[in-house]
């Protein structure tokens, strides 16, 4: 049976997480490491994907940087997104040769994780928008953004799930470059902040269930 090593890293700087992904990518490519999922939080940061534009940052970038907000152009798919405290960011470093060599099916499985978790644990109906936009939506508001990169069939980058996220920070950008679409969070929908560690644990379990894999605790990641 397939195995997924899951490492919960807590709050970590974006560049440090990016460097770690690159290191793990090489290890998974070479067969030194099993598929790995990093679960973490970032300090406030804005990232712009391959199809993105700085014009979708609607607050002056110098002002944001002066407030300690990082801005990164990165190699994932998608446009502009925000990461910050209260948001679970997941970076799956996975060899798709073990998962059907199908990038679209991989993204759909990521969406399925959140659709199932929200419905089964919280009674929230969420959905993907196949052939339109990636990510997971509750009504017209996005709760999980997805943007990946694939190198030699190994994935990096991943998803951002709004749990207790400060949604006001999304006003700094046009999320995913989509005018007229909003963002939401588990806290907003339920009316109260959630137990962050509990949600992390649920997410790890659903991730392994959807990918039909055994969960092993990450060791020696950092």
N, C-alpha and C. Protein backbone atom coordinates (compact mmCIF):
# COMPACT_ATOMS: atom_id res chain seq x y z
N UNK A 1 0.84 -1.20 0.00
CA UNK A 1 0.00 0.00 0.00
C UNK A 1 0.87 1.24 0.00
N UNK A 2 0.38 2.29 -0.65
CA UNK A 2 1.13 3.54 -0.71
C UNK A 2 1.24 4.16 0.68
N UNK A 3 2.32 4.93 0.90
CA UNK A 3 2.52 5.63 2.17
C UNK A 3 2.67 7.12 1.90
N UNK A 4 2.17 7.93 2.82
CA UNK A 4 2.38 9.37 2.77
C UNK A 4 2.94 9.82 4.11
N UNK A 5 4.09 10.43 4.06
CA UNK A 5 4.70 10.97 5.27
C UNK A 5 4.16 12.37 5.49
N UNK A 6 3.57 12.61 6.66
CA UNK A 6 2.94 13.90 6.94
C UNK A 6 3.70 14.62 8.03
N UNK A 7 4.14 15.84 7.73
CA UNK A 7 4.89 16.65 8.69
C UNK A 7 4.13 17.93 8.98
N UNK A 8 3.81 18.15 10.25
CA UNK A 8 3.15 19.39 10.68
C UNK A 8 4.22 20.33 11.21
N UNK A 9 4.43 21.43 10.52
CA UNK A 9 5.58 22.28 10.79
C UNK A 9 5.23 23.57 11.53
N UNK A 10 3.94 23.83 11.76
CA UNK A 10 3.57 25.07 12.45
C UNK A 10 3.83 26.28 11.57
N UNK A 11 4.16 27.42 12.20
CA UNK A 11 4.41 28.66 11.47
C UNK A 11 5.82 28.63 10.89
N UNK A 12 5.91 28.88 9.58
CA UNK A 12 7.22 28.84 8.92
C UNK A 12 7.26 29.89 7.81
N UNK A 13 8.37 30.55 7.69
CA UNK A 13 8.57 31.58 6.68
C UNK A 13 8.39 30.99 5.27
N UNK A 14 7.84 31.79 4.36
CA UNK A 14 7.55 31.27 3.03
C UNK A 14 8.81 30.79 2.31
N UNK A 15 9.87 31.58 2.35
CA UNK A 15 11.09 31.19 1.63
C UNK A 15 11.68 29.91 2.21
N UNK A 16 11.63 29.78 3.53
CA UNK A 16 12.15 28.55 4.16
C UNK A 16 11.34 27.34 3.71
N UNK A 17 10.02 27.51 3.59
CA UNK A 17 9.17 26.41 3.13
C UNK A 17 9.45 26.09 1.67
N UNK A 18 9.70 27.11 0.86
CA UNK A 18 10.01 26.89 -0.55
C UNK A 18 11.32 26.13 -0.70
N UNK A 19 12.32 26.52 0.08
CA UNK A 19 13.61 25.81 0.04
C UNK A 19 13.43 24.36 0.47
N UNK A 20 12.61 24.13 1.49
CA UNK A 20 12.37 22.77 1.96
C UNK A 20 11.67 21.94 0.90
N UNK A 21 10.70 22.54 0.21
CA UNK A 21 10.02 21.81 -0.86
C UNK A 21 11.01 21.37 -1.93
N UNK A 22 11.89 22.27 -2.32
CA UNK A 22 12.88 21.94 -3.36
C UNK A 22 13.76 20.77 -2.92
N UNK A 23 14.15 20.77 -1.65
CA UNK A 23 14.98 19.68 -1.12
C UNK A 23 14.21 18.36 -1.15
N UNK A 24 12.96 18.39 -0.67
CA UNK A 24 12.16 17.16 -0.63
C UNK A 24 11.82 16.68 -2.04
N UNK A 25 11.62 17.62 -2.95
CA UNK A 25 11.33 17.27 -4.34
C UNK A 25 12.44 16.37 -4.90
N UNK A 26 13.68 16.77 -4.66
CA UNK A 26 14.82 15.98 -5.16
C UNK A 26 14.85 14.60 -4.50
N UNK A 27 14.50 14.55 -3.20
CA UNK A 27 14.54 13.27 -2.50
C UNK A 27 13.43 12.33 -2.99
N UNK A 28 12.25 12.88 -3.26
CA UNK A 28 11.17 12.03 -3.79
C UNK A 28 11.50 11.60 -5.21
N UNK A 29 12.05 12.50 -6.01
CA UNK A 29 12.44 12.16 -7.39
C UNK A 29 13.43 10.99 -7.40
N UNK A 30 14.37 11.03 -6.47
CA UNK A 30 15.43 10.01 -6.46
C UNK A 30 14.99 8.71 -5.80
N UNK A 31 13.81 8.73 -5.17
CA UNK A 31 13.34 7.54 -4.48
C UNK A 31 13.83 7.42 -3.05
N UNK A 32 14.55 8.46 -2.56
CA UNK A 32 15.05 8.43 -1.19
C UNK A 32 13.94 8.62 -0.16
N UNK A 33 12.84 9.24 -0.58
CA UNK A 33 11.77 9.59 0.36
C UNK A 33 10.43 9.19 -0.21
N UNK A 34 9.52 8.76 0.67
CA UNK A 34 8.14 8.50 0.26
C UNK A 34 7.43 9.81 -0.06
N UNK A 35 6.26 9.69 -0.67
CA UNK A 35 5.41 10.87 -0.84
C UNK A 35 5.28 11.59 0.49
N UNK A 36 5.32 12.92 0.46
CA UNK A 36 5.34 13.71 1.68
C UNK A 36 4.35 14.86 1.59
N UNK A 37 3.63 15.11 2.68
CA UNK A 37 2.73 16.26 2.76
C UNK A 37 3.18 17.15 3.91
N UNK A 38 3.50 18.40 3.60
CA UNK A 38 3.81 19.39 4.62
C UNK A 38 2.54 20.17 4.95
N UNK A 39 2.22 20.27 6.23
CA UNK A 39 1.09 21.09 6.70
C UNK A 39 1.66 22.17 7.60
N UNK A 40 1.32 23.43 7.30
CA UNK A 40 1.95 24.54 8.00
C UNK A 40 1.12 25.81 7.87
N UNK A 41 1.61 26.86 8.52
CA UNK A 41 1.08 28.21 8.36
C UNK A 41 2.21 29.12 7.91
N UNK A 42 1.84 30.21 7.24
CA UNK A 42 2.82 31.24 6.89
C UNK A 42 2.47 32.55 7.57
N UNK A 43 3.48 33.37 7.91
CA UNK A 43 3.20 34.77 8.20
C UNK A 43 2.59 35.40 6.94
N UNK A 44 1.95 36.56 7.05
CA UNK A 44 1.30 37.14 5.87
C UNK A 44 2.22 37.25 4.66
N UNK A 45 1.78 36.68 3.54
CA UNK A 45 2.58 36.67 2.32
C UNK A 45 1.64 36.59 1.12
N UNK A 46 2.05 37.21 0.02
CA UNK A 46 1.31 37.14 -1.24
C UNK A 46 2.19 36.43 -2.25
N UNK A 47 1.62 35.46 -2.95
CA UNK A 47 2.36 34.76 -4.00
C UNK A 47 1.64 34.89 -5.33
N UNK A 48 2.43 34.96 -6.38
CA UNK A 48 1.89 35.14 -7.73
C UNK A 48 2.35 33.98 -8.59
N UNK A 49 1.38 33.23 -9.13
CA UNK A 49 1.69 32.05 -9.94
C UNK A 49 2.08 32.40 -11.37
N UNK A 50 2.34 31.36 -12.15
CA UNK A 50 2.84 31.54 -13.52
C UNK A 50 1.91 32.35 -14.39
N UNK A 51 0.60 32.21 -14.19
CA UNK A 51 -0.35 32.94 -15.03
C UNK A 51 -0.83 34.22 -14.36
N UNK A 52 -0.16 34.63 -13.27
CA UNK A 52 -0.61 35.77 -12.49
C UNK A 52 -0.02 37.09 -12.95
N UNK A 53 -0.50 38.14 -12.32
CA UNK A 53 -0.06 39.49 -12.65
C UNK A 53 0.01 40.32 -11.38
N UNK A 54 1.06 41.15 -11.28
CA UNK A 54 1.18 42.05 -10.14
C UNK A 54 0.04 43.07 -10.12
N UNK A 55 -0.63 43.25 -11.25
CA UNK A 55 -1.76 44.18 -11.27
C UNK A 55 -2.92 43.69 -10.40
N UNK A 56 -2.90 42.40 -10.04
CA UNK A 56 -3.95 41.87 -9.17
C UNK A 56 -3.63 42.06 -7.69
N UNK A 57 -2.51 42.73 -7.41
CA UNK A 57 -2.25 43.23 -6.06
C UNK A 57 -2.74 44.66 -6.03
N UNK A 58 -3.78 44.93 -5.28
CA UNK A 58 -4.45 46.24 -5.36
C UNK A 58 -4.02 47.19 -4.25
N UNK A 59 -3.14 46.74 -3.37
CA UNK A 59 -2.52 47.61 -2.36
C UNK A 59 -1.07 47.83 -2.77
N UNK A 60 -0.59 49.05 -2.56
CA UNK A 60 0.78 49.39 -2.95
C UNK A 60 1.77 48.37 -2.37
N UNK A 61 2.58 47.79 -3.26
CA UNK A 61 3.49 46.73 -2.82
C UNK A 61 4.52 47.23 -1.82
N UNK A 62 4.97 48.48 -1.98
CA UNK A 62 5.94 49.02 -1.02
C UNK A 62 5.32 49.16 0.36
N UNK A 63 4.05 49.53 0.40
CA UNK A 63 3.35 49.63 1.69
C UNK A 63 3.24 48.25 2.33
N UNK A 64 2.89 47.24 1.52
CA UNK A 64 2.78 45.88 2.06
C UNK A 64 4.13 45.41 2.61
N UNK A 65 5.18 45.63 1.84
CA UNK A 65 6.51 45.18 2.28
C UNK A 65 6.93 45.90 3.56
N UNK A 66 6.57 47.18 3.67
CA UNK A 66 6.92 47.94 4.88
C UNK A 66 6.21 47.40 6.10
N UNK A 67 5.10 46.69 5.88
CA UNK A 67 4.36 46.07 6.97
C UNK A 67 4.77 44.61 7.19
N UNK A 68 5.83 44.20 6.50
CA UNK A 68 6.35 42.85 6.69
C UNK A 68 5.68 41.79 5.86
N UNK A 69 4.89 42.19 4.87
CA UNK A 69 4.20 41.22 4.01
C UNK A 69 5.12 40.85 2.84
N UNK A 70 5.48 39.59 2.73
CA UNK A 70 6.32 39.15 1.62
C UNK A 70 5.54 39.06 0.33
N UNK A 71 6.21 39.26 -0.80
CA UNK A 71 5.59 39.12 -2.13
C UNK A 71 6.55 38.29 -2.98
N UNK A 72 6.03 37.17 -3.50
CA UNK A 72 6.88 36.22 -4.23
C UNK A 72 6.25 35.86 -5.58
N UNK A 73 7.06 35.87 -6.62
CA UNK A 73 6.67 35.25 -7.90
C UNK A 73 7.15 33.80 -7.83
N UNK A 74 6.23 32.86 -8.05
CA UNK A 74 6.57 31.45 -7.87
C UNK A 74 6.17 30.63 -9.09
N UNK A 75 6.63 29.38 -9.12
CA UNK A 75 6.46 28.55 -10.30
C UNK A 75 5.22 27.67 -10.31
N UNK A 76 4.28 27.94 -9.43
CA UNK A 76 3.04 27.14 -9.43
C UNK A 76 2.07 27.65 -10.48
N UNK A 77 1.02 26.87 -10.73
CA UNK A 77 -0.06 27.34 -11.57
C UNK A 77 -0.91 28.35 -10.82
N UNK A 78 -1.74 29.07 -11.58
CA UNK A 78 -2.67 30.00 -10.96
C UNK A 78 -2.16 31.42 -10.91
N UNK A 79 -2.94 32.27 -10.28
CA UNK A 79 -2.69 33.71 -10.25
C UNK A 79 -2.19 34.10 -8.86
N UNK A 80 -2.74 35.16 -8.32
CA UNK A 80 -2.28 35.70 -7.05
C UNK A 80 -3.11 35.13 -5.90
N UNK A 81 -2.43 34.83 -4.79
CA UNK A 81 -3.15 34.38 -3.61
C UNK A 81 -2.45 34.89 -2.36
N UNK A 82 -3.15 34.76 -1.25
CA UNK A 82 -2.65 35.23 0.05
C UNK A 82 -2.52 34.04 1.00
N UNK A 83 -1.45 34.04 1.77
CA UNK A 83 -1.29 33.09 2.87
C UNK A 83 -1.09 33.87 4.16
N UNK A 84 -1.64 33.33 5.24
CA UNK A 84 -1.45 34.00 6.51
C UNK A 84 -1.87 33.12 7.67
N UNK A 85 -1.68 33.61 8.89
CA UNK A 85 -2.05 32.85 10.08
C UNK A 85 -3.52 32.42 10.05
N UNK A 86 -3.78 31.23 10.60
CA UNK A 86 -5.13 30.71 10.61
C UNK A 86 -5.53 29.97 9.36
N UNK A 87 -4.61 29.88 8.42
CA UNK A 87 -4.84 29.17 7.15
C UNK A 87 -3.94 27.94 7.12
N UNK A 88 -4.51 26.79 6.79
CA UNK A 88 -3.68 25.60 6.65
C UNK A 88 -3.16 25.55 5.22
N UNK A 89 -1.84 25.64 5.10
CA UNK A 89 -1.19 25.51 3.80
C UNK A 89 -0.63 24.10 3.71
N UNK A 90 -0.91 23.44 2.60
CA UNK A 90 -0.43 22.08 2.40
C UNK A 90 0.42 21.98 1.16
N UNK A 91 1.60 21.40 1.30
CA UNK A 91 2.49 21.19 0.17
C UNK A 91 2.71 19.69 -0.03
N UNK A 92 1.97 19.06 -0.96
CA UNK A 92 2.20 17.65 -1.25
C UNK A 92 3.39 17.49 -2.21
N UNK A 93 4.38 16.77 -1.77
CA UNK A 93 5.53 16.43 -2.63
C UNK A 93 5.33 14.96 -2.98
N UNK A 94 4.70 14.72 -4.13
CA UNK A 94 4.22 13.37 -4.44
C UNK A 94 4.61 12.96 -5.85
N UNK A 95 4.96 11.70 -5.98
CA UNK A 95 5.37 11.12 -7.26
C UNK A 95 4.12 10.63 -7.99
N UNK A 96 3.71 11.36 -9.03
CA UNK A 96 2.48 11.01 -9.74
C UNK A 96 2.62 9.73 -10.56
N UNK A 97 3.82 9.22 -10.70
CA UNK A 97 3.97 7.92 -11.35
C UNK A 97 3.31 6.83 -10.52
N UNK A 98 3.14 7.08 -9.22
CA UNK A 98 2.44 6.15 -8.33
C UNK A 98 0.94 6.42 -8.29
N UNK A 99 0.51 7.50 -8.95
CA UNK A 99 -0.88 7.94 -8.85
C UNK A 99 -1.49 8.19 -10.23
N UNK A 100 -1.11 7.37 -11.20
CA UNK A 100 -1.79 7.41 -12.49
C UNK A 100 -1.26 8.38 -13.52
N UNK A 101 -0.18 9.13 -13.19
CA UNK A 101 0.39 10.08 -14.15
C UNK A 101 -0.67 11.02 -14.72
N UNK A 102 -1.56 11.50 -13.89
CA UNK A 102 -2.67 12.33 -14.35
C UNK A 102 -2.76 13.57 -13.46
N UNK A 103 -2.29 14.69 -13.98
CA UNK A 103 -2.23 15.91 -13.18
C UNK A 103 -3.63 16.40 -12.83
N UNK A 104 -4.54 16.37 -13.80
CA UNK A 104 -5.90 16.85 -13.53
C UNK A 104 -6.59 15.98 -12.48
N UNK A 105 -6.39 14.67 -12.56
CA UNK A 105 -6.98 13.78 -11.57
C UNK A 105 -6.40 14.05 -10.19
N UNK A 106 -5.12 14.41 -10.13
CA UNK A 106 -4.49 14.75 -8.86
C UNK A 106 -5.16 15.98 -8.24
N UNK A 107 -5.37 17.01 -9.05
CA UNK A 107 -6.02 18.23 -8.56
C UNK A 107 -7.45 17.93 -8.10
N UNK A 108 -8.15 17.09 -8.86
CA UNK A 108 -9.52 16.74 -8.47
C UNK A 108 -9.55 15.99 -7.14
N UNK A 109 -8.53 15.18 -6.88
CA UNK A 109 -8.48 14.48 -5.60
C UNK A 109 -8.24 15.48 -4.46
N UNK A 110 -7.41 16.49 -4.70
CA UNK A 110 -7.22 17.52 -3.69
C UNK A 110 -8.55 18.21 -3.39
N UNK A 111 -9.30 18.53 -4.44
CA UNK A 111 -10.61 19.14 -4.23
C UNK A 111 -11.55 18.21 -3.45
N UNK A 112 -11.51 16.93 -3.79
CA UNK A 112 -12.38 15.95 -3.13
C UNK A 112 -12.11 15.90 -1.63
N UNK A 113 -10.86 16.05 -1.23
CA UNK A 113 -10.50 16.02 0.20
C UNK A 113 -11.33 17.05 0.96
N UNK A 114 -11.38 18.26 0.45
CA UNK A 114 -12.06 19.34 1.17
C UNK A 114 -13.58 19.24 1.04
N UNK A 115 -14.04 18.79 -0.09
CA UNK A 115 -15.48 18.60 -0.27
C UNK A 115 -16.00 17.57 0.73
N UNK A 116 -15.28 16.47 0.85
CA UNK A 116 -15.69 15.42 1.80
C UNK A 116 -15.55 15.88 3.24
N UNK A 117 -14.41 16.47 3.57
CA UNK A 117 -14.17 16.91 4.95
C UNK A 117 -15.24 17.91 5.40
N UNK A 118 -15.53 18.89 4.58
CA UNK A 118 -16.50 19.92 4.96
C UNK A 118 -17.90 19.34 5.12
N UNK A 119 -18.27 18.43 4.23
CA UNK A 119 -19.61 17.83 4.30
C UNK A 119 -19.73 16.89 5.50
N UNK A 120 -18.75 15.99 5.64
CA UNK A 120 -18.87 14.93 6.64
C UNK A 120 -18.59 15.40 8.06
N UNK A 121 -17.75 16.41 8.22
CA UNK A 121 -17.39 16.87 9.56
C UNK A 121 -18.17 18.11 10.00
N UNK A 122 -18.60 18.94 9.04
CA UNK A 122 -19.23 20.21 9.39
C UNK A 122 -20.59 20.44 8.74
N UNK A 123 -21.04 19.51 7.92
CA UNK A 123 -22.32 19.68 7.25
C UNK A 123 -22.35 20.83 6.26
N UNK A 124 -21.19 21.16 5.70
CA UNK A 124 -21.08 22.27 4.74
C UNK A 124 -20.98 21.71 3.33
N UNK A 125 -21.85 22.19 2.45
CA UNK A 125 -21.79 21.75 1.05
C UNK A 125 -20.78 22.61 0.30
N UNK A 126 -19.73 21.99 -0.16
CA UNK A 126 -18.71 22.67 -0.96
C UNK A 126 -18.60 21.96 -2.30
N UNK A 127 -18.01 22.63 -3.27
CA UNK A 127 -17.96 22.06 -4.61
C UNK A 127 -16.73 22.58 -5.36
N UNK A 128 -16.31 21.81 -6.35
CA UNK A 128 -15.32 22.28 -7.30
C UNK A 128 -16.04 22.88 -8.50
N UNK A 129 -15.26 23.45 -9.40
CA UNK A 129 -15.84 24.00 -10.63
C UNK A 129 -15.07 23.43 -11.81
N UNK A 130 -15.37 22.18 -12.11
CA UNK A 130 -14.65 21.44 -13.14
C UNK A 130 -14.69 22.20 -14.46
N UNK A 131 -13.55 22.23 -15.14
CA UNK A 131 -13.38 22.86 -16.45
C UNK A 131 -13.51 24.38 -16.40
N UNK A 132 -13.58 24.95 -15.17
CA UNK A 132 -13.69 26.40 -15.06
C UNK A 132 -12.58 26.95 -14.19
N UNK A 133 -12.69 26.74 -12.88
CA UNK A 133 -11.66 27.20 -11.96
C UNK A 133 -11.25 26.05 -11.04
N UNK A 134 -9.97 26.07 -10.64
CA UNK A 134 -9.55 25.10 -9.63
C UNK A 134 -9.92 25.63 -8.25
N UNK A 135 -9.85 24.76 -7.26
CA UNK A 135 -10.16 25.15 -5.91
C UNK A 135 -11.49 24.62 -5.45
N UNK A 136 -11.82 24.94 -4.21
CA UNK A 136 -13.06 24.48 -3.60
C UNK A 136 -13.85 25.70 -3.14
N UNK A 137 -15.15 25.66 -3.45
CA UNK A 137 -16.01 26.82 -3.24
C UNK A 137 -17.18 26.46 -2.35
N UNK A 138 -17.63 27.43 -1.58
CA UNK A 138 -18.90 27.34 -0.86
C UNK A 138 -19.76 28.46 -1.43
N UNK A 139 -20.75 28.10 -2.23
CA UNK A 139 -21.47 29.11 -3.00
C UNK A 139 -20.53 29.76 -3.99
N UNK A 140 -20.46 31.09 -3.95
CA UNK A 140 -19.58 31.83 -4.86
C UNK A 140 -18.28 32.25 -4.18
N UNK A 141 -18.01 31.69 -3.01
CA UNK A 141 -16.82 32.09 -2.26
C UNK A 141 -15.85 30.92 -2.14
N UNK A 142 -14.59 31.21 -2.38
CA UNK A 142 -13.56 30.17 -2.33
C UNK A 142 -13.09 29.95 -0.90
N UNK A 143 -13.02 28.68 -0.51
CA UNK A 143 -12.52 28.34 0.82
C UNK A 143 -11.15 27.66 0.74
N UNK A 144 -10.85 27.04 -0.40
CA UNK A 144 -9.54 26.41 -0.60
C UNK A 144 -9.00 26.76 -1.98
N UNK A 145 -7.83 27.37 -2.00
CA UNK A 145 -7.14 27.66 -3.27
C UNK A 145 -6.15 26.54 -3.55
N UNK A 146 -5.98 26.22 -4.83
CA UNK A 146 -5.06 25.15 -5.24
C UNK A 146 -4.18 25.67 -6.38
N UNK A 147 -2.90 25.45 -6.25
CA UNK A 147 -1.97 25.78 -7.32
C UNK A 147 -0.73 24.91 -7.18
N UNK A 148 -0.43 24.11 -8.18
CA UNK A 148 0.68 23.17 -8.07
C UNK A 148 1.69 23.39 -9.19
N UNK A 149 2.84 22.80 -8.99
CA UNK A 149 3.84 22.67 -10.04
C UNK A 149 4.22 21.20 -10.10
N UNK A 150 4.63 20.73 -11.27
CA UNK A 150 5.02 19.33 -11.45
C UNK A 150 6.35 19.29 -12.19
N UNK A 151 7.32 18.59 -11.59
CA UNK A 151 8.63 18.44 -12.21
C UNK A 151 8.95 16.95 -12.29
N UNK A 152 9.10 16.45 -13.51
CA UNK A 152 9.39 15.02 -13.72
C UNK A 152 8.38 14.16 -12.96
N UNK A 153 7.13 14.56 -13.02
CA UNK A 153 6.00 13.84 -12.42
C UNK A 153 5.95 13.94 -10.89
N UNK A 154 6.75 14.79 -10.30
CA UNK A 154 6.68 15.01 -8.84
C UNK A 154 6.10 16.40 -8.59
N UNK A 155 5.13 16.46 -7.67
CA UNK A 155 4.41 17.71 -7.42
C UNK A 155 5.10 18.53 -6.33
N UNK A 156 4.82 19.84 -6.38
CA UNK A 156 5.15 20.72 -5.28
C UNK A 156 4.15 21.87 -5.27
N UNK A 157 4.32 22.80 -4.36
CA UNK A 157 3.28 23.80 -4.04
C UNK A 157 2.02 23.02 -3.63
N UNK A 158 0.82 23.58 -3.71
CA UNK A 158 -0.31 22.79 -3.23
C UNK A 158 -1.57 23.58 -2.98
N UNK A 159 -2.01 23.65 -1.69
CA UNK A 159 -3.32 24.22 -1.40
C UNK A 159 -3.25 25.13 -0.17
N UNK A 160 -4.27 25.98 -0.05
CA UNK A 160 -4.41 26.86 1.11
C UNK A 160 -5.87 26.83 1.54
N UNK A 161 -6.12 26.34 2.75
CA UNK A 161 -7.45 26.12 3.29
C UNK A 161 -7.72 27.16 4.38
N UNK A 162 -8.71 28.00 4.15
CA UNK A 162 -9.03 29.06 5.10
C UNK A 162 -9.82 28.49 6.29
N UNK A 163 -9.17 28.45 7.42
CA UNK A 163 -9.81 27.94 8.64
C UNK A 163 -10.19 29.13 9.52
N UNK A 164 -9.19 29.75 10.15
CA UNK A 164 -9.44 30.95 10.97
C UNK A 164 -8.76 32.17 10.36
N UNK A 165 -8.61 32.17 9.06
CA UNK A 165 -7.87 33.21 8.33
C UNK A 165 -8.52 34.58 8.48
N UNK A 166 -7.69 35.61 8.58
CA UNK A 166 -8.18 37.00 8.55
C UNK A 166 -8.55 37.34 7.11
N UNK A 167 -9.83 37.30 6.81
CA UNK A 167 -10.28 37.51 5.43
C UNK A 167 -10.10 38.95 4.96
N UNK A 168 -9.92 39.87 5.89
CA UNK A 168 -9.67 41.26 5.50
C UNK A 168 -8.40 41.38 4.66
N UNK A 169 -7.45 40.49 4.91
CA UNK A 169 -6.18 40.57 4.17
C UNK A 169 -6.35 40.25 2.69
N UNK A 170 -7.42 39.55 2.34
CA UNK A 170 -7.66 39.28 0.92
C UNK A 170 -8.01 40.54 0.15
N UNK A 171 -8.33 41.63 0.86
CA UNK A 171 -8.61 42.90 0.19
C UNK A 171 -7.35 43.51 -0.40
N UNK A 172 -6.19 42.95 -0.03
CA UNK A 172 -4.94 43.42 -0.62
C UNK A 172 -4.82 43.01 -2.08
N UNK A 173 -5.59 42.00 -2.47
CA UNK A 173 -5.44 41.40 -3.80
C UNK A 173 -6.80 41.18 -4.46
N UNK A 174 -6.76 40.82 -5.74
CA UNK A 174 -7.93 40.23 -6.40
C UNK A 174 -7.68 38.73 -6.38
N UNK A 175 -8.26 38.00 -5.41
CA UNK A 175 -7.89 36.59 -5.21
C UNK A 175 -8.02 35.77 -6.49
N UNK A 176 -6.93 35.10 -6.83
CA UNK A 176 -6.87 34.25 -8.03
C UNK A 176 -7.17 35.02 -9.30
N UNK A 177 -7.15 36.35 -9.22
CA UNK A 177 -7.42 37.19 -10.39
C UNK A 177 -8.87 37.20 -10.82
N UNK A 178 -9.78 36.76 -9.94
CA UNK A 178 -11.19 36.64 -10.30
C UNK A 178 -12.00 37.80 -9.70
N UNK A 179 -12.41 38.72 -10.54
CA UNK A 179 -13.27 39.81 -10.10
C UNK A 179 -14.65 39.26 -9.74
N UNK A 180 -15.25 39.81 -8.70
CA UNK A 180 -16.63 39.46 -8.38
C UNK A 180 -16.79 38.16 -7.62
N UNK A 181 -15.69 37.50 -7.31
CA UNK A 181 -15.74 36.28 -6.51
C UNK A 181 -15.16 36.58 -5.14
N UNK A 182 -15.74 35.99 -4.09
CA UNK A 182 -15.26 36.26 -2.75
C UNK A 182 -14.47 35.10 -2.18
N UNK A 183 -14.07 35.26 -0.95
CA UNK A 183 -13.39 34.19 -0.20
C UNK A 183 -14.14 34.00 1.11
N UNK A 184 -14.02 32.81 1.66
CA UNK A 184 -14.65 32.52 2.93
C UNK A 184 -13.72 31.64 3.75
N UNK A 185 -14.14 31.32 4.96
CA UNK A 185 -13.34 30.48 5.85
C UNK A 185 -14.27 29.60 6.67
N UNK A 186 -13.70 28.59 7.26
CA UNK A 186 -14.47 27.71 8.13
C UNK A 186 -15.02 28.50 9.32
N UNK A 187 -14.21 29.41 9.86
CA UNK A 187 -14.67 30.23 10.98
C UNK A 187 -15.85 31.11 10.58
N UNK A 188 -15.78 31.71 9.41
CA UNK A 188 -16.87 32.58 8.95
C UNK A 188 -18.16 31.78 8.79
N UNK A 189 -18.07 30.61 8.18
CA UNK A 189 -19.28 29.82 7.90
C UNK A 189 -19.90 29.29 9.19
N UNK A 190 -19.06 28.85 10.12
CA UNK A 190 -19.58 28.27 11.36
C UNK A 190 -19.88 29.32 12.43
N UNK A 191 -19.35 30.52 12.24
CA UNK A 191 -19.60 31.58 13.20
C UNK A 191 -18.66 31.61 14.38
N UNK A 192 -17.63 30.78 14.35
CA UNK A 192 -16.66 30.80 15.46
C UNK A 192 -15.33 30.21 15.00
N UNK A 193 -14.25 30.65 15.66
CA UNK A 193 -12.94 30.08 15.36
C UNK A 193 -12.91 28.59 15.68
N UNK A 194 -12.17 27.86 14.88
CA UNK A 194 -12.10 26.42 15.01
C UNK A 194 -10.82 25.98 15.70
N UNK A 195 -10.84 24.78 16.27
CA UNK A 195 -9.66 24.16 16.86
C UNK A 195 -8.70 23.82 15.71
N UNK A 196 -7.64 24.61 15.59
CA UNK A 196 -6.77 24.52 14.43
C UNK A 196 -6.07 23.17 14.35
N UNK A 197 -5.63 22.66 15.48
CA UNK A 197 -4.94 21.37 15.49
C UNK A 197 -5.89 20.24 15.09
N UNK A 198 -7.13 20.33 15.56
CA UNK A 198 -8.12 19.32 15.19
C UNK A 198 -8.34 19.31 13.68
N UNK A 199 -8.46 20.48 13.08
CA UNK A 199 -8.68 20.55 11.64
C UNK A 199 -7.47 20.01 10.89
N UNK A 200 -6.27 20.33 11.38
CA UNK A 200 -5.05 19.77 10.78
C UNK A 200 -5.08 18.25 10.78
N UNK A 201 -5.47 17.68 11.91
CA UNK A 201 -5.50 16.22 12.02
C UNK A 201 -6.56 15.62 11.09
N UNK A 202 -7.72 16.25 11.02
CA UNK A 202 -8.77 15.78 10.11
C UNK A 202 -8.28 15.83 8.67
N UNK A 203 -7.64 16.93 8.32
CA UNK A 203 -7.15 17.09 6.95
C UNK A 203 -6.14 16.00 6.60
N UNK A 204 -5.24 15.70 7.52
CA UNK A 204 -4.25 14.65 7.27
C UNK A 204 -4.94 13.31 7.03
N UNK A 205 -5.96 13.02 7.84
CA UNK A 205 -6.68 11.75 7.69
C UNK A 205 -7.42 11.67 6.35
N UNK A 206 -8.11 12.75 6.00
CA UNK A 206 -8.86 12.74 4.73
C UNK A 206 -7.91 12.69 3.54
N UNK A 207 -6.77 13.34 3.65
CA UNK A 207 -5.78 13.31 2.57
C UNK A 207 -5.36 11.88 2.28
N UNK A 208 -5.01 11.16 3.33
CA UNK A 208 -4.56 9.78 3.14
C UNK A 208 -5.70 8.89 2.66
N UNK A 209 -6.91 9.15 3.13
CA UNK A 209 -8.06 8.35 2.69
C UNK A 209 -8.31 8.51 1.20
N UNK A 210 -8.32 9.75 0.74
CA UNK A 210 -8.60 10.00 -0.68
C UNK A 210 -7.50 9.41 -1.57
N UNK A 211 -6.26 9.47 -1.11
CA UNK A 211 -5.15 8.94 -1.91
C UNK A 211 -4.86 7.46 -1.60
N UNK A 212 -5.74 6.84 -0.78
CA UNK A 212 -5.63 5.42 -0.47
C UNK A 212 -4.24 5.08 0.00
N UNK A 213 -3.79 5.81 1.02
CA UNK A 213 -2.42 5.66 1.50
C UNK A 213 -2.40 5.56 3.02
N UNK A 214 -1.36 4.97 3.54
CA UNK A 214 -1.14 4.88 4.97
C UNK A 214 -0.41 6.14 5.42
N UNK A 215 -0.88 6.73 6.51
CA UNK A 215 -0.23 7.94 7.06
C UNK A 215 0.93 7.54 7.95
N UNK A 216 2.08 8.14 7.73
CA UNK A 216 3.21 7.98 8.65
C UNK A 216 3.65 9.36 9.09
N UNK A 217 4.07 9.46 10.35
CA UNK A 217 4.46 10.75 10.90
C UNK A 217 5.79 11.19 10.30
N UNK A 218 5.83 12.44 9.88
CA UNK A 218 7.06 12.97 9.30
C UNK A 218 8.17 13.06 10.33
N UNK A 219 9.35 12.63 9.95
CA UNK A 219 10.50 12.68 10.84
C UNK A 219 11.71 13.14 10.05
N UNK A 220 12.53 13.98 10.67
CA UNK A 220 13.73 14.43 9.99
C UNK A 220 13.48 15.31 8.79
N UNK A 221 12.33 16.04 8.81
CA UNK A 221 12.02 16.90 7.67
C UNK A 221 12.86 18.17 7.70
N UNK A 222 12.93 18.80 8.87
CA UNK A 222 13.70 20.05 8.98
C UNK A 222 15.15 19.76 9.38
